[in-house]
N, C-alpha and C. Protein backbone atom coordinates (compact mmCIF):
# COMPACT_ATOMS: atom_id res chain seq x y z
N UNK A 1 89.15 85.61 97.87
CA UNK A 1 89.21 87.04 97.84
C UNK A 1 87.81 87.59 97.57
N UNK A 2 87.00 87.65 98.58
CA UNK A 2 85.62 88.12 98.40
C UNK A 2 85.55 89.56 97.90
N UNK A 3 84.68 89.79 96.95
CA UNK A 3 84.53 91.10 96.33
C UNK A 3 84.29 92.20 97.35
N UNK A 4 83.37 91.97 98.26
CA UNK A 4 83.00 93.02 99.21
C UNK A 4 84.17 93.40 100.10
N UNK A 5 84.88 92.42 100.64
CA UNK A 5 85.98 92.77 101.55
C UNK A 5 87.16 93.38 100.79
N UNK A 6 87.47 92.90 99.61
CA UNK A 6 88.57 93.47 98.82
C UNK A 6 88.25 94.92 98.47
N UNK A 7 87.03 95.17 98.05
CA UNK A 7 86.62 96.53 97.70
C UNK A 7 86.70 97.45 98.92
N UNK A 8 86.17 97.00 100.03
CA UNK A 8 86.20 97.80 101.26
C UNK A 8 87.63 98.10 101.70
N UNK A 9 88.48 97.09 101.66
CA UNK A 9 89.88 97.26 102.07
C UNK A 9 90.64 98.17 101.11
N UNK A 10 90.37 98.06 99.82
CA UNK A 10 91.02 98.93 98.84
C UNK A 10 90.62 100.38 99.06
N UNK A 11 89.35 100.60 99.31
CA UNK A 11 88.86 101.97 99.55
C UNK A 11 89.47 102.56 100.82
N UNK A 12 89.69 101.73 101.82
CA UNK A 12 90.30 102.21 103.06
C UNK A 12 91.79 102.49 102.88
N UNK A 13 92.48 101.67 102.11
CA UNK A 13 93.93 101.79 101.95
C UNK A 13 94.32 102.89 100.98
N UNK A 14 93.51 103.15 99.97
CA UNK A 14 93.87 104.11 98.93
C UNK A 14 94.29 105.48 99.48
N UNK A 15 93.50 106.13 100.34
CA UNK A 15 93.91 107.46 100.83
C UNK A 15 95.26 107.44 101.55
N UNK A 16 95.53 106.39 102.29
CA UNK A 16 96.81 106.28 103.00
C UNK A 16 97.95 106.18 102.00
N UNK A 17 97.76 105.41 100.94
CA UNK A 17 98.81 105.24 99.93
C UNK A 17 99.06 106.54 99.17
N UNK A 18 98.01 107.26 98.85
CA UNK A 18 98.17 108.53 98.13
C UNK A 18 98.92 109.53 99.01
N UNK A 19 98.62 109.55 100.29
CA UNK A 19 99.33 110.44 101.20
C UNK A 19 100.82 110.10 101.23
N UNK A 20 101.13 108.82 101.17
CA UNK A 20 102.53 108.39 101.24
C UNK A 20 103.26 108.56 99.90
N UNK A 21 102.60 108.24 98.80
CA UNK A 21 103.24 108.20 97.49
C UNK A 21 102.95 109.45 96.66
N UNK A 22 101.78 110.04 96.84
CA UNK A 22 101.37 111.19 96.04
C UNK A 22 100.64 110.76 94.78
N UNK A 23 100.22 111.75 94.01
CA UNK A 23 99.45 111.49 92.80
C UNK A 23 100.31 111.26 91.56
N UNK A 24 101.61 111.42 91.66
CA UNK A 24 102.48 111.37 90.50
C UNK A 24 102.76 109.99 89.94
N UNK A 25 102.49 108.94 90.71
CA UNK A 25 102.87 107.60 90.25
C UNK A 25 101.75 106.59 90.50
N UNK A 26 100.75 106.56 89.62
CA UNK A 26 99.63 105.63 89.78
C UNK A 26 100.09 104.17 89.85
N UNK A 27 101.11 103.82 89.10
CA UNK A 27 101.59 102.43 89.10
C UNK A 27 102.11 102.03 90.48
N UNK A 28 102.78 102.96 91.17
CA UNK A 28 103.28 102.67 92.51
C UNK A 28 102.13 102.48 93.49
N UNK A 29 101.10 103.31 93.38
CA UNK A 29 99.94 103.16 94.26
C UNK A 29 99.26 101.82 94.00
N UNK A 30 99.08 101.47 92.74
CA UNK A 30 98.46 100.19 92.40
C UNK A 30 99.29 99.02 92.91
N UNK A 31 100.60 99.10 92.78
CA UNK A 31 101.48 98.02 93.25
C UNK A 31 101.43 97.88 94.75
N UNK A 32 101.51 99.00 95.47
CA UNK A 32 101.43 98.95 96.93
C UNK A 32 100.08 98.42 97.39
N UNK A 33 99.03 98.84 96.72
CA UNK A 33 97.70 98.38 97.06
C UNK A 33 97.57 96.88 96.86
N UNK A 34 98.04 96.38 95.74
CA UNK A 34 97.98 94.94 95.47
C UNK A 34 98.80 94.16 96.50
N UNK A 35 99.96 94.65 96.84
CA UNK A 35 100.80 93.95 97.82
C UNK A 35 100.15 93.94 99.20
N UNK A 36 99.60 95.07 99.61
CA UNK A 36 98.94 95.14 100.92
C UNK A 36 97.75 94.19 100.99
N UNK A 37 96.90 94.23 99.97
CA UNK A 37 95.72 93.36 99.97
C UNK A 37 96.09 91.89 99.83
N UNK A 38 97.15 91.62 99.09
CA UNK A 38 97.61 90.23 98.94
C UNK A 38 98.03 89.66 100.29
N UNK A 39 98.74 90.45 101.07
CA UNK A 39 99.13 89.99 102.42
C UNK A 39 97.91 89.74 103.29
N UNK A 40 96.93 90.63 103.21
CA UNK A 40 95.72 90.48 104.03
C UNK A 40 94.94 89.23 103.66
N UNK A 41 94.99 88.84 102.40
CA UNK A 41 94.21 87.69 101.95
C UNK A 41 95.06 86.44 101.73
N UNK A 42 96.32 86.54 102.08
CA UNK A 42 97.24 85.40 101.97
C UNK A 42 97.27 84.82 100.55
N UNK A 43 97.42 85.71 99.56
CA UNK A 43 97.55 85.29 98.17
C UNK A 43 98.76 86.02 97.59
N UNK A 44 99.15 85.65 96.40
CA UNK A 44 100.27 86.33 95.75
C UNK A 44 99.86 87.71 95.27
N UNK A 45 100.83 88.59 95.14
CA UNK A 45 100.56 89.93 94.63
C UNK A 45 100.02 89.86 93.20
N UNK A 46 100.53 88.90 92.41
CA UNK A 46 100.05 88.74 91.03
C UNK A 46 98.57 88.35 91.01
N UNK A 47 98.18 87.45 91.89
CA UNK A 47 96.77 87.05 91.96
C UNK A 47 95.90 88.23 92.37
N UNK A 48 96.39 89.02 93.31
CA UNK A 48 95.60 90.19 93.74
C UNK A 48 95.53 91.23 92.63
N UNK A 49 96.63 91.45 91.90
CA UNK A 49 96.58 92.41 90.79
C UNK A 49 95.51 92.00 89.78
N UNK A 50 95.44 90.72 89.49
CA UNK A 50 94.41 90.23 88.57
C UNK A 50 93.02 90.46 89.14
N UNK A 51 92.85 90.18 90.43
CA UNK A 51 91.54 90.35 91.07
C UNK A 51 91.11 91.82 91.03
N UNK A 52 92.04 92.72 91.22
CA UNK A 52 91.71 94.14 91.23
C UNK A 52 91.30 94.67 89.86
N UNK A 53 91.63 93.94 88.81
CA UNK A 53 91.24 94.34 87.45
C UNK A 53 89.88 93.79 87.05
N UNK A 54 89.43 92.74 87.71
CA UNK A 54 88.21 92.03 87.32
C UNK A 54 86.95 92.81 87.63
N UNK A 55 85.93 92.54 86.83
CA UNK A 55 84.60 93.02 87.12
C UNK A 55 84.04 92.13 88.22
N UNK A 56 83.30 92.59 89.18
CA UNK A 56 82.74 93.93 89.32
C UNK A 56 83.64 94.90 90.08
N UNK A 57 84.79 94.46 90.51
CA UNK A 57 85.66 95.34 91.29
C UNK A 57 86.21 96.50 90.47
N UNK A 58 86.98 96.16 89.46
CA UNK A 58 87.65 97.15 88.61
C UNK A 58 88.34 98.23 89.44
N UNK A 59 88.97 97.81 90.53
CA UNK A 59 89.66 98.74 91.42
C UNK A 59 90.79 99.45 90.68
N UNK A 60 91.48 98.74 89.81
CA UNK A 60 92.58 99.35 89.06
C UNK A 60 92.08 100.55 88.27
N UNK A 61 90.95 100.42 87.60
CA UNK A 61 90.39 101.54 86.84
C UNK A 61 89.99 102.68 87.77
N UNK A 62 89.45 102.34 88.94
CA UNK A 62 89.06 103.37 89.90
C UNK A 62 90.28 104.12 90.43
N UNK A 63 91.36 103.39 90.67
CA UNK A 63 92.59 104.03 91.13
C UNK A 63 93.12 104.97 90.06
N UNK A 64 93.17 104.50 88.82
CA UNK A 64 93.67 105.33 87.73
C UNK A 64 92.85 106.61 87.59
N UNK A 65 91.53 106.49 87.67
CA UNK A 65 90.66 107.66 87.56
C UNK A 65 90.87 108.61 88.74
N UNK A 66 90.90 108.06 89.94
CA UNK A 66 91.09 108.88 91.13
C UNK A 66 92.43 109.61 91.10
N UNK A 67 93.47 108.92 90.66
CA UNK A 67 94.79 109.54 90.59
C UNK A 67 94.79 110.65 89.53
N UNK A 68 94.20 110.39 88.40
CA UNK A 68 94.14 111.37 87.32
C UNK A 68 93.39 112.63 87.77
N UNK A 69 92.31 112.43 88.53
CA UNK A 69 91.48 113.54 88.99
C UNK A 69 91.91 114.07 90.36
N UNK A 70 92.98 113.48 90.90
CA UNK A 70 93.52 113.89 92.20
C UNK A 70 92.49 113.78 93.31
N UNK A 71 91.79 112.66 93.33
CA UNK A 71 90.79 112.39 94.36
C UNK A 71 91.41 111.62 95.51
N UNK A 72 90.93 111.88 96.70
CA UNK A 72 91.44 111.18 97.88
C UNK A 72 90.61 109.96 98.23
N UNK A 73 89.65 109.59 97.39
CA UNK A 73 88.85 108.39 97.63
C UNK A 73 88.57 107.71 96.30
N UNK A 74 88.14 106.47 96.38
CA UNK A 74 87.84 105.69 95.17
C UNK A 74 86.36 105.71 94.83
N UNK A 75 85.61 106.60 95.39
CA UNK A 75 84.16 106.69 95.15
C UNK A 75 83.86 107.14 93.76
């Protein structure tokens, strides 16, 4: 699960997930994101959830912040 590709894929998928799920349920967005990326990388959703929490990615923190601030991107 290379950092660069996981980060790029998460940033691309996030706006689509927010459009589908909305800003009200960050846990659902994080779960859908982990499941989508896990399929793309042929790993378990649990392994991807762990990867999304790790430094330097910290995608989970970025999702939580973006959802809290109602942002449509993870920038």
